[in-house]
Amino acid sequence: MAYAEKRGKSWRVRYQLPSGKYDSESGFETKQDALDWGRAQETDVQRKVFVNPSDGRKTVGEWAEEWRQVMDVAETSKQTYASRLNAVILPKWRETALGDITSMGYRAWQAQLKHAHKKNYVDAIEGLMRMLLDDAVEERLIPFNPMPSGSKRKRGRHIAVAAEDDYVWPTPRQALALAENARELRGFPWYVMILTVAYTGLRMGEVAGLRRDQLQLLALEYGKSLRVQWQGQWLTEPATHTVNKGETLGSIAALRHADAKRAADIATANSLGEGDRVRVGQKLLLAKGFTLLPPKYSSYRTLILPPFLGDLLSELLAQKGGHEHLVFQSQRGRPLRVDDQFYGRFWHPIVEGQDAEPVRRGRKAQVALPAVEGIADMVPHGLRHGHKVWLDEQGHPRVAVEERMGHRLKGVEGTYSHTSPDMEVGIAKGLQRAWEESLGEDVSEAPEWRGRRSA
């Protein structure tokens, strides 16, 4: 039972914890205030809703470190969360006790975020912060999440919602112009890469992780296909691999790192010799760096290709000097990395155009490229958006469109709707028509209907 003690000019209350031990809280002006507070804690103990006030003294930094150790998420999500914690959340809240975060303090920080970052990034940061604090509530470190709920009535100035969709996506003709710029800048493989994204809707990670053995191109006109099996990501923390029957360190490296030579890196990460045998079911740490991971949301799928794209991919695979395992690669023959250099040296020039520049010390000559009208500020993901728009415009069944995009329908429609082979072929035929229409007059005049222009 709670009891109060005089301590100088104030009162301290001692109250019983769920373990049977006693804790205390000081600073009360009167004995009755101290007793009321202590009895309230003991009532919460009896109702099994007690949150120990001393647990709220754990700092956000301490809790974030514990939280990261038990996160059960994909390697890419774990890396993303760590990046956002270190870059934005912890610099502000690291030394703040969980129990000291207030709604007003959070709103002030939220305003700073909105001023410094774009909306999508702010939403992602807030989503991570909410998870962090929700789990703190679940662990009874704090009694409630101090972040304001989006469902509550908002006060203050009304902010109108934009009436128009400002996401930029291309038409088939604009996608072709983009691909032509890519070919002029970096050659045929990059031309094919742009068209592959535009006419399959692959995510950029899925493009980077597309293996040569995922292409089935020796088939009838509408039997050529692409299997989405992996996404390629550059990881700062090692992923894990469960050994399957017949695998060796070399075969695992070739499969997950697209480079058999990295078997030595896997051996080092697991304190093994490079020639050591591994057993079925054994969990191995992979090496850091480029790694093939399951696609987002485990969205494995097989896509029927329009004939023109199957022909282009066949031509690409037949070229000498390609990567042993990957369809698309960097200029230096390494796995594709969509980073600042990708945007600055490749993506922005093919979208926005550039002037010709002569050879300079430490820099190659720069070819002139025209800007692609109407898609200023488009990001690579805009090609995926465009693919979805094209399919919707052509009127294909929703279930077939969503399956091609790697999404899963919910509810009754998701349970009872199914994609038939005729639906898949119908999509491929629609995309072939879109390609031919994008060529304009060239489609009837060019000896090769692929639409390749002279260099």
Protein backbone atom coordinates (compact mmCIF):
# COMPACT_ATOMS: atom_id res chain seq x y z
CA MET A 1 0.00 0.00 0.00
CA ALA A 2 1.22 3.50 -0.86
CA TYR A 3 2.52 5.70 1.95
CA ALA A 4 3.96 9.21 2.09
CA GLU A 5 7.17 10.53 3.65
CA LYS A 6 8.22 14.08 4.43
CA ARG A 7 11.40 15.10 2.59
CA GLY A 8 12.46 18.65 3.38
CA LYS A 9 9.73 21.01 2.22
CA SER A 10 8.04 18.45 -0.04
CA TRP A 11 6.55 14.98 0.18
CA ARG A 12 7.62 11.67 -1.35
CA VAL A 13 5.32 8.71 -1.99
CA ARG A 14 6.37 5.07 -2.08
CA TYR A 15 4.13 2.68 -4.03
CA GLN A 16 4.17 -1.02 -4.88
CA LEU A 17 5.17 -2.20 -8.38
CA PRO A 18 3.77 -5.29 -10.16
CA SER A 19 6.89 -7.20 -9.00
CA GLY A 20 6.06 -6.52 -5.36
CA LYS A 21 8.97 -4.14 -4.95
CA TYR A 22 8.50 -0.48 -4.05
CA ASP A 23 9.34 2.58 -6.13
CA SER A 24 9.05 6.24 -5.22
CA GLU A 25 8.19 9.63 -6.64
CA SER A 26 9.15 12.95 -5.04
CA GLY A 27 8.23 16.62 -5.25
CA PHE A 28 4.64 16.74 -3.97
CA GLU A 29 3.50 19.85 -2.08
CA THR A 30 1.18 18.00 0.31
CA LYS A 31 0.94 14.56 1.85
CA GLN A 32 -2.48 14.03 0.28
CA ASP A 33 -1.17 14.85 -3.21
CA ALA A 34 1.57 12.27 -2.74
CA LEU A 35 -0.83 9.60 -1.51
CA ASP A 36 -3.34 10.26 -4.30
CA TRP A 37 -0.62 9.86 -6.92
CA GLY A 38 0.80 6.69 -5.36
CA ARG A 39 -2.63 5.06 -4.96
CA ALA A 40 -3.42 5.86 -8.60
CA GLN A 41 -0.29 3.94 -9.65
CA GLU A 42 -1.28 0.96 -7.53
CA THR A 43 -4.78 1.02 -9.05
CA ASP A 44 -3.18 0.85 -12.50
CA VAL A 45 -1.10 -2.11 -11.29
CA GLN A 46 -4.28 -3.94 -10.23
CA ARG A 47 -5.96 -3.12 -13.56
CA LYS A 48 -2.81 -4.32 -15.41
CA VAL A 49 -2.40 -1.00 -17.23
CA PHE A 50 0.48 0.30 -15.15
CA VAL A 51 3.29 2.19 -16.89
CA ASN A 52 6.29 2.78 -14.69
CA PRO A 53 7.14 6.53 -14.81
CA SER A 54 10.83 5.71 -14.48
CA ASP A 55 10.68 3.77 -17.78
CA GLY A 56 9.78 7.01 -19.53
CA ARG A 57 13.24 8.30 -18.58
CA LYS A 58 14.77 6.06 -21.23
CA THR A 59 15.99 8.29 -24.03
CA VAL A 60 14.85 8.05 -27.63
CA GLY A 61 18.41 7.12 -28.60
CA GLU A 62 18.49 4.22 -26.12
CA TRP A 63 15.07 2.98 -27.18
CA ALA A 64 15.88 3.30 -30.92
CA GLU A 65 18.94 1.10 -30.49
CA GLU A 66 16.91 -1.59 -28.69
CA TRP A 67 14.12 -1.27 -31.25
CA ARG A 68 16.45 -1.73 -34.22
CA GLN A 69 17.79 -4.99 -32.78
CA VAL A 70 14.36 -6.66 -32.79
CA MET A 71 12.88 -5.29 -36.03
CA ASP A 72 11.54 -8.14 -38.14
CA VAL A 73 11.55 -6.48 -41.56
CA ALA A 74 13.23 -6.97 -44.93
CA GLU A 75 16.89 -5.97 -45.25
CA THR A 76 16.02 -3.01 -47.48
CA SER A 77 13.49 -1.69 -44.94
CA LYS A 78 15.99 -2.16 -42.11
CA GLN A 79 18.56 -0.13 -44.03
CA THR A 80 16.02 2.58 -44.87
CA TYR A 81 14.87 2.87 -41.25
CA ALA A 82 18.45 3.13 -40.01
CA SER A 83 19.20 5.86 -42.54
CA ARG A 84 16.16 7.94 -41.56
CA LEU A 85 16.81 7.49 -37.85
CA ASN A 86 20.42 8.61 -38.14
CA ALA A 87 19.79 11.44 -40.57
CA VAL A 88 16.69 13.09 -39.13
CA ILE A 89 15.11 11.60 -36.00
CA LEU A 90 18.06 11.00 -33.69
CA PRO A 91 19.80 14.37 -34.27
CA LYS A 92 16.67 15.99 -32.81
CA TRP A 93 15.48 13.48 -30.19
CA ARG A 94 18.47 11.30 -29.26
CA GLU A 95 18.94 12.71 -25.72
CA THR A 96 15.25 13.36 -25.06
CA ALA A 97 13.49 11.03 -22.62
CA LEU A 98 10.52 9.21 -24.15
CA GLY A 99 8.28 10.59 -21.42
CA ASP A 100 9.35 14.17 -22.18
CA ILE A 101 8.09 14.21 -25.78
CA THR A 102 4.98 16.37 -25.97
CA SER A 103 2.46 16.96 -28.75
CA MET A 104 3.41 20.63 -28.93
CA GLY A 105 7.11 19.82 -29.12
CA TYR A 106 6.43 17.30 -31.84
CA ARG A 107 4.35 19.80 -33.85
CA ALA A 108 7.20 22.32 -33.74
CA TRP A 109 9.61 19.71 -35.10
CA GLN A 110 7.05 18.69 -37.72
CA ALA A 111 6.89 22.27 -38.99
CA GLN A 112 10.70 22.32 -39.35
CA LEU A 113 10.60 19.06 -41.31
CA LYS A 114 7.98 20.38 -43.73
CA HIS A 115 10.08 23.45 -44.34
CA ALA A 116 13.26 21.46 -45.02
CA HIS A 117 12.03 18.37 -46.91
CA LYS A 118 9.54 17.26 -49.53
CA LYS A 119 6.16 15.87 -48.47
CA ASN A 120 6.85 12.21 -49.29
CA TYR A 121 10.04 12.22 -47.22
CA VAL A 122 8.32 13.97 -44.31
CA ASP A 123 5.51 11.41 -44.41
CA ALA A 124 8.09 8.61 -44.31
CA ILE A 125 9.89 10.17 -41.32
CA GLU A 126 6.63 10.64 -39.45
CA GLY A 127 5.58 7.07 -40.18
CA LEU A 128 8.84 5.77 -38.74
CA MET A 129 8.56 8.00 -35.66
CA ARG A 130 5.00 6.77 -35.08
CA MET A 131 6.14 3.13 -35.24
CA LEU A 132 8.95 3.87 -32.82
CA LEU A 133 6.61 5.48 -30.28
CA ASP A 134 3.74 3.01 -30.79
CA ASP A 135 6.12 0.19 -29.90
CA ALA A 136 7.26 2.16 -26.84
CA VAL A 137 3.61 2.29 -25.74
CA GLU A 138 3.25 -1.44 -26.36
CA GLU A 139 6.31 -2.07 -24.18
CA ARG A 140 4.74 0.19 -21.52
CA LEU A 141 7.61 2.64 -21.57
CA ILE A 142 5.14 5.51 -22.02
CA PRO A 143 1.34 5.55 -21.46
CA PHE A 144 0.41 6.93 -24.91
CA ASN A 145 1.91 8.10 -28.19
CA PRO A 146 2.39 11.89 -28.01
CA MET A 147 2.27 12.27 -31.80
CA PRO A 148 -0.96 14.01 -32.83
CA SER A 149 -3.38 11.63 -34.50
CA GLY A 150 -4.29 12.39 -38.08
CA SER A 151 -7.89 11.43 -37.33
CA LYS A 152 -8.40 14.19 -34.76
CA ARG A 153 -10.07 17.47 -35.63
CA LYS A 154 -7.44 19.92 -36.80
CA ARG A 155 -7.27 23.52 -35.72
CA GLY A 156 -5.71 26.46 -37.52
CA ARG A 157 -5.46 27.64 -41.09
CA HIS A 158 -7.15 25.50 -43.72
CA ILE A 159 -4.77 24.18 -46.38
CA ALA A 160 -6.46 23.39 -49.67
CA VAL A 161 -5.70 20.02 -51.25
CA ALA A 162 -4.27 20.22 -54.73
CA ALA A 163 -6.98 19.46 -57.28
CA GLU A 164 -4.59 18.08 -59.91
CA ASP A 165 -2.30 15.07 -59.91
CA ASP A 166 1.24 16.49 -60.17
CA TYR A 167 3.04 13.15 -60.65
CA VAL A 168 4.90 13.19 -63.96
CA TRP A 169 4.65 10.19 -66.28
CA PRO A 170 5.33 9.80 -70.03
CA THR A 171 3.31 8.86 -73.07
CA PRO A 172 4.73 6.05 -75.25
CA ARG A 173 6.15 8.66 -77.65
CA GLN A 174 7.87 10.51 -74.78
CA ALA A 175 9.24 7.21 -73.45
CA LEU A 176 10.72 6.53 -76.89
CA ALA A 177 12.31 10.00 -76.98
CA LEU A 178 13.77 9.34 -73.53
CA ALA A 179 15.17 6.01 -74.69
CA GLU A 180 16.71 7.63 -77.77
CA ASN A 181 18.48 10.16 -75.53
CA ALA A 182 19.71 7.29 -73.35
CA ARG A 183 21.15 5.53 -76.40
CA GLU A 184 22.84 8.70 -77.62
CA LEU A 185 24.38 9.26 -74.20
CA ARG A 186 25.41 5.70 -73.23
CA GLY A 187 24.61 3.29 -76.02
CA PHE A 188 22.21 0.51 -76.91
CA PRO A 189 22.00 -1.23 -73.47
CA TRP A 190 20.68 1.94 -71.85
CA TYR A 191 18.16 2.41 -74.67
CA VAL A 192 16.85 -1.09 -73.97
CA MET A 193 16.80 -0.45 -70.22
CA ILE A 194 14.53 2.59 -70.54
CA LEU A 195 12.14 0.74 -72.84
CA THR A 196 12.16 -2.29 -70.53
CA VAL A 197 11.04 -0.18 -67.58
CA ALA A 198 8.45 1.66 -69.67
CA TYR A 199 6.90 -1.50 -71.18
CA THR A 200 7.08 -3.80 -68.14
CA GLY A 201 6.53 -1.39 -65.24
CA LEU A 202 9.46 -2.84 -63.29
CA ARG A 203 10.69 -1.05 -60.21
CA MET A 204 14.26 0.24 -60.54
CA GLY A 205 15.47 -2.30 -57.99
CA GLU A 206 13.90 -5.06 -60.10
CA VAL A 207 15.69 -3.68 -63.17
CA ALA A 208 19.02 -3.69 -61.31
CA GLY A 209 18.36 -7.25 -60.12
CA LEU A 210 17.19 -8.67 -63.47
CA ARG A 211 19.27 -11.76 -64.17
CA ARG A 212 19.88 -13.16 -67.63
CA ASP A 213 18.34 -16.47 -66.59
CA GLN A 214 15.06 -14.69 -65.83
CA LEU A 215 14.46 -14.01 -69.53
CA GLN A 216 12.68 -16.58 -71.71
CA LEU A 217 13.19 -15.30 -75.25
CA LEU A 218 13.30 -18.48 -77.36
CA ALA A 219 9.57 -18.74 -77.91
CA LEU A 220 6.72 -17.76 -80.19
CA GLU A 221 5.86 -14.13 -80.86
CA TYR A 222 3.75 -13.72 -77.74
CA GLY A 223 5.48 -16.40 -75.69
CA LYS A 224 8.56 -14.40 -74.72
CA SER A 225 8.59 -13.53 -71.04
CA LEU A 226 10.45 -11.94 -68.17
CA ARG A 227 10.41 -13.34 -64.62
CA VAL A 228 10.56 -10.91 -61.69
CA GLN A 229 12.52 -12.90 -59.13
CA TRP A 230 14.91 -10.44 -57.46
CA GLN A 231 15.57 -6.80 -56.73
CA GLY A 232 19.13 -5.52 -56.64
CA GLN A 233 20.09 -3.32 -53.70
CA TRP A 234 23.34 -1.90 -52.30
CA LEU A 235 23.30 -2.74 -48.59
CA THR A 236 25.36 -1.24 -45.81
CA GLU A 237 24.47 -4.18 -43.53
CA PRO A 238 24.73 -7.83 -44.61
CA ALA A 239 21.59 -9.77 -45.52
CA THR A 240 21.18 -13.47 -44.70
CA HIS A 241 20.85 -16.55 -46.87
CA THR A 242 19.49 -19.97 -45.94
CA VAL A 243 21.54 -22.67 -47.66
CA ASN A 244 19.66 -24.90 -50.11
CA LYS A 245 20.60 -28.39 -51.25
CA GLY A 246 23.66 -28.50 -53.49
CA GLU A 247 24.77 -24.91 -52.82
CA THR A 248 28.36 -23.85 -52.20
CA LEU A 249 29.81 -20.50 -51.18
CA GLY A 250 30.61 -19.88 -54.85
CA SER A 251 27.09 -20.65 -56.09
CA ILE A 252 25.57 -18.55 -53.31
CA ALA A 253 27.80 -15.62 -54.24
CA ALA A 254 26.86 -16.01 -57.91
CA LEU A 255 23.16 -16.13 -57.02
CA ARG A 256 22.87 -13.42 -54.34
CA HIS A 257 25.76 -11.11 -55.28
CA ALA A 258 25.76 -11.89 -59.03
CA ASP A 259 29.50 -12.50 -58.68
CA ALA A 260 31.02 -15.89 -57.81
CA LYS A 261 34.27 -14.18 -56.80
CA ARG A 262 32.53 -12.74 -53.76
CA ALA A 263 32.51 -16.19 -52.17
CA ALA A 264 35.62 -15.00 -50.30
CA ASP A 265 33.63 -12.10 -48.83
CA ILE A 266 30.88 -14.45 -47.64
CA ALA A 267 33.48 -16.77 -46.12
CA THR A 268 35.05 -13.85 -44.24
CA ALA A 269 31.66 -12.63 -42.97
CA ASN A 270 31.00 -16.09 -41.50
CA SER A 271 34.55 -16.92 -40.32
CA LEU A 272 34.79 -19.76 -42.85
CA GLY A 273 37.41 -20.90 -45.28
CA GLU A 274 36.57 -20.22 -48.93
CA GLY A 275 36.58 -23.95 -49.64
CA ASP A 276 34.55 -24.95 -46.58
CA ARG A 277 31.35 -26.88 -47.14
CA VAL A 278 28.02 -25.53 -45.96
CA ARG A 279 25.04 -27.57 -44.82
CA VAL A 280 21.41 -27.41 -45.91
CA GLY A 281 19.42 -25.02 -43.73
CA GLN A 282 22.48 -23.18 -42.46
CA LYS A 283 21.98 -19.42 -42.22
CA LEU A 284 24.86 -17.42 -43.67
CA LEU A 285 25.58 -13.73 -43.52
CA LEU A 286 26.09 -12.35 -47.00
CA ALA A 287 28.64 -9.66 -47.74
CA LYS A 288 27.81 -5.96 -47.72
CA GLY A 289 27.35 -4.18 -51.03
CA PHE A 290 25.27 -5.28 -54.01
CA THR A 291 22.85 -8.02 -53.04
CA LEU A 292 19.88 -9.66 -54.75
CA LEU A 293 16.84 -9.70 -52.48
CA PRO A 294 13.23 -10.88 -52.95
CA PRO A 295 11.15 -8.28 -54.80
CA LYS A 296 9.14 -5.73 -52.84
CA TYR A 297 6.10 -7.27 -51.13
CA SER A 298 7.34 -10.68 -52.46
CA SER A 299 5.75 -9.67 -55.77
CA TYR A 300 7.16 -12.52 -57.84
CA ARG A 301 5.57 -12.51 -61.30
CA THR A 302 6.06 -13.51 -64.92
CA LEU A 303 5.38 -10.88 -67.59
CA ILE A 304 4.56 -11.65 -71.23
CA LEU A 305 6.65 -9.26 -73.36
CA PRO A 306 5.54 -7.35 -76.44
CA PRO A 307 7.49 -8.79 -79.40
CA PHE A 308 9.59 -5.66 -80.03
CA LEU A 309 10.92 -5.73 -76.46
CA GLY A 310 11.69 -9.45 -76.62
CA ASP A 311 13.72 -8.80 -79.78
CA LEU A 312 15.61 -5.92 -78.20
CA LEU A 313 16.47 -8.00 -75.13
CA SER A 314 17.62 -10.89 -77.34
CA GLU A 315 19.90 -8.52 -79.22
CA LEU A 316 21.26 -7.14 -75.95
CA LEU A 317 22.06 -10.59 -74.52
CA ALA A 318 23.82 -11.54 -77.75
CA GLN A 319 26.28 -8.65 -77.46
CA LYS A 320 29.77 -9.43 -76.23
CA GLY A 321 31.10 -7.99 -72.99
CA GLY A 322 27.88 -8.14 -71.01
CA HIS A 323 27.71 -9.01 -67.32
CA GLU A 324 27.88 -12.74 -66.65
CA HIS A 325 24.63 -12.79 -64.67
CA LEU A 326 22.88 -9.41 -64.91
CA VAL A 327 20.98 -8.01 -67.89
CA PHE A 328 21.74 -4.37 -67.10
CA GLN A 329 24.97 -3.02 -65.66
CA SER A 330 26.85 0.21 -65.04
CA GLN A 331 29.26 1.70 -67.57
CA ARG A 332 32.11 -0.01 -65.75
CA GLY A 333 30.47 -3.42 -65.92
CA ARG A 334 29.40 -3.43 -62.28
CA PRO A 335 25.86 -3.94 -60.92
CA LEU A 336 23.59 -0.98 -61.56
CA ARG A 337 23.41 1.57 -58.76
CA VAL A 338 20.68 4.22 -58.79
CA ASP A 339 22.42 6.95 -56.80
CA ASP A 340 23.43 10.60 -57.20
CA GLN A 341 25.76 9.79 -60.10
CA PHE A 342 22.96 7.95 -61.89
CA TYR A 343 20.73 11.00 -61.61
CA GLY A 344 23.38 13.64 -62.30
CA ARG A 345 25.23 11.97 -65.17
CA PHE A 346 22.45 9.95 -66.82
CA TRP A 347 18.86 10.57 -65.78
CA HIS A 348 18.66 14.37 -65.65
CA PRO A 349 20.46 14.83 -69.00
CA ILE A 350 18.17 12.40 -70.86
CA VAL A 351 15.06 14.08 -69.42
CA GLU A 352 16.10 17.74 -69.44
CA GLY A 353 18.63 17.67 -72.30
CA GLN A 354 22.15 19.06 -72.29
CA ASP A 355 24.51 21.13 -74.45
CA ALA A 356 27.49 19.63 -76.25
CA GLU A 357 30.79 20.09 -74.43
CA PRO A 358 34.34 19.36 -75.66
CA VAL A 359 36.82 17.14 -73.86
CA ARG A 360 38.11 18.72 -70.68
CA ARG A 361 40.76 17.64 -68.22
CA GLY A 362 39.33 14.75 -66.24
CA ARG A 363 36.07 14.72 -68.19
CA LYS A 364 34.93 13.16 -71.46
CA ALA A 365 33.23 15.05 -74.26
CA GLN A 366 29.52 15.66 -73.73
CA VAL A 367 27.00 15.05 -76.53
CA ALA A 368 24.11 17.42 -77.15
CA LEU A 369 20.71 16.04 -76.12
CA PRO A 370 17.28 17.61 -76.66
CA ALA A 371 14.97 17.95 -73.68
CA VAL A 372 11.95 15.64 -73.81
CA GLU A 373 9.00 18.01 -73.87
CA GLY A 374 6.30 17.58 -71.26
CA ILE A 375 8.09 15.42 -68.67
CA ALA A 376 10.28 17.94 -66.84
CA ASP A 377 11.10 16.78 -63.29
CA MET A 378 10.03 13.20 -64.00
CA VAL A 379 11.81 10.60 -61.85
CA PRO A 380 12.58 7.02 -63.00
CA HIS A 381 9.52 5.74 -61.11
CA GLY A 382 7.46 7.89 -63.48
CA LEU A 383 8.03 5.24 -66.16
CA ARG A 384 6.26 2.71 -63.91
CA HIS A 385 3.39 5.16 -63.39
CA GLY A 386 3.20 5.65 -67.15
CA HIS A 387 3.01 1.89 -67.71
CA LYS A 388 0.01 1.64 -65.40
CA VAL A 389 -1.70 4.56 -67.15
CA TRP A 390 -1.19 2.97 -70.57
CA LEU A 391 -2.75 -0.30 -69.39
CA ASP A 392 -5.72 1.53 -67.87
CA GLU A 393 -6.22 3.55 -71.06
CA GLN A 394 -6.29 0.32 -73.07
CA GLY A 395 -9.04 -1.05 -70.81
CA HIS A 396 -7.41 -4.25 -69.58
CA PRO A 397 -9.02 -6.12 -66.63
CA ARG A 398 -8.00 -4.64 -63.31
CA VAL A 399 -6.85 -7.95 -61.85
CA ALA A 400 -4.43 -8.49 -64.76
CA VAL A 401 -3.10 -4.92 -64.54
CA GLU A 402 -2.49 -5.10 -60.78
CA GLU A 403 -0.82 -8.49 -61.05
CA ARG A 404 1.51 -7.17 -63.75
CA MET A 405 2.40 -4.22 -61.50
CA GLY A 406 3.20 -6.58 -58.61
CA HIS A 407 0.19 -5.55 -56.52
CA ARG A 408 -2.45 -7.74 -54.91
CA LEU A 409 -6.15 -6.88 -54.92
CA LYS A 410 -7.96 -6.98 -51.59
CA GLY A 411 -11.43 -8.14 -50.63
CA VAL A 412 -13.83 -10.15 -52.76
CA GLU A 413 -12.21 -9.01 -56.01
CA GLY A 414 -8.81 -10.18 -54.86
CA THR A 415 -10.20 -13.55 -53.78
CA TYR A 416 -12.33 -14.41 -56.81
CA SER A 417 -10.65 -12.56 -59.70
CA HIS A 418 -7.89 -14.34 -61.62
CA THR A 419 -5.62 -13.51 -64.53
CA SER A 420 -6.02 -15.75 -67.55
CA PRO A 421 -3.40 -16.39 -70.27
CA ASP A 422 -5.62 -14.51 -72.74
CA MET A 423 -5.54 -11.46 -70.46
CA GLU A 424 -1.73 -11.55 -70.32
CA VAL A 425 -1.42 -11.87 -74.08
CA GLY A 426 -3.98 -9.08 -74.51
CA ILE A 427 -1.76 -6.77 -72.43
CA ALA A 428 1.30 -7.67 -74.52
CA LYS A 429 -0.62 -6.98 -77.73
CA GLY A 430 -1.80 -3.63 -76.39
CA LEU A 431 1.76 -2.65 -75.49
CA GLN A 432 2.97 -3.70 -78.95
CA ARG A 433 0.37 -1.39 -80.54
CA ALA A 434 1.44 1.45 -78.23
CA TRP A 435 5.06 0.93 -79.33
CA GLU A 436 4.20 0.93 -83.03
CA GLU A 437 2.05 4.03 -82.65
CA SER A 438 4.90 5.79 -80.81
CA LEU A 439 7.08 5.32 -83.91
CA GLY A 440 4.71 7.40 -86.03
CA GLU A 441 5.55 7.39 -89.73
CA ASP A 442 8.77 5.46 -89.10
CA VAL A 443 6.84 2.23 -88.51
CA SER A 444 5.99 1.79 -92.21
CA GLU A 445 9.30 3.05 -93.59
CA ALA A 446 11.95 1.56 -91.32
CA PRO A 447 13.39 -1.77 -92.53
CA GLU A 448 13.65 -2.81 -88.87
CA TRP A 449 10.31 -2.20 -87.13
CA ARG A 450 12.06 -1.84 -83.77
CA GLY A 451 12.28 1.87 -84.51
CA ARG A 452 16.02 2.20 -84.07
CA ARG A 453 17.26 5.43 -85.59
CA SER A 454 20.62 5.88 -87.25
CA ALA A 455 23.40 7.07 -85.01
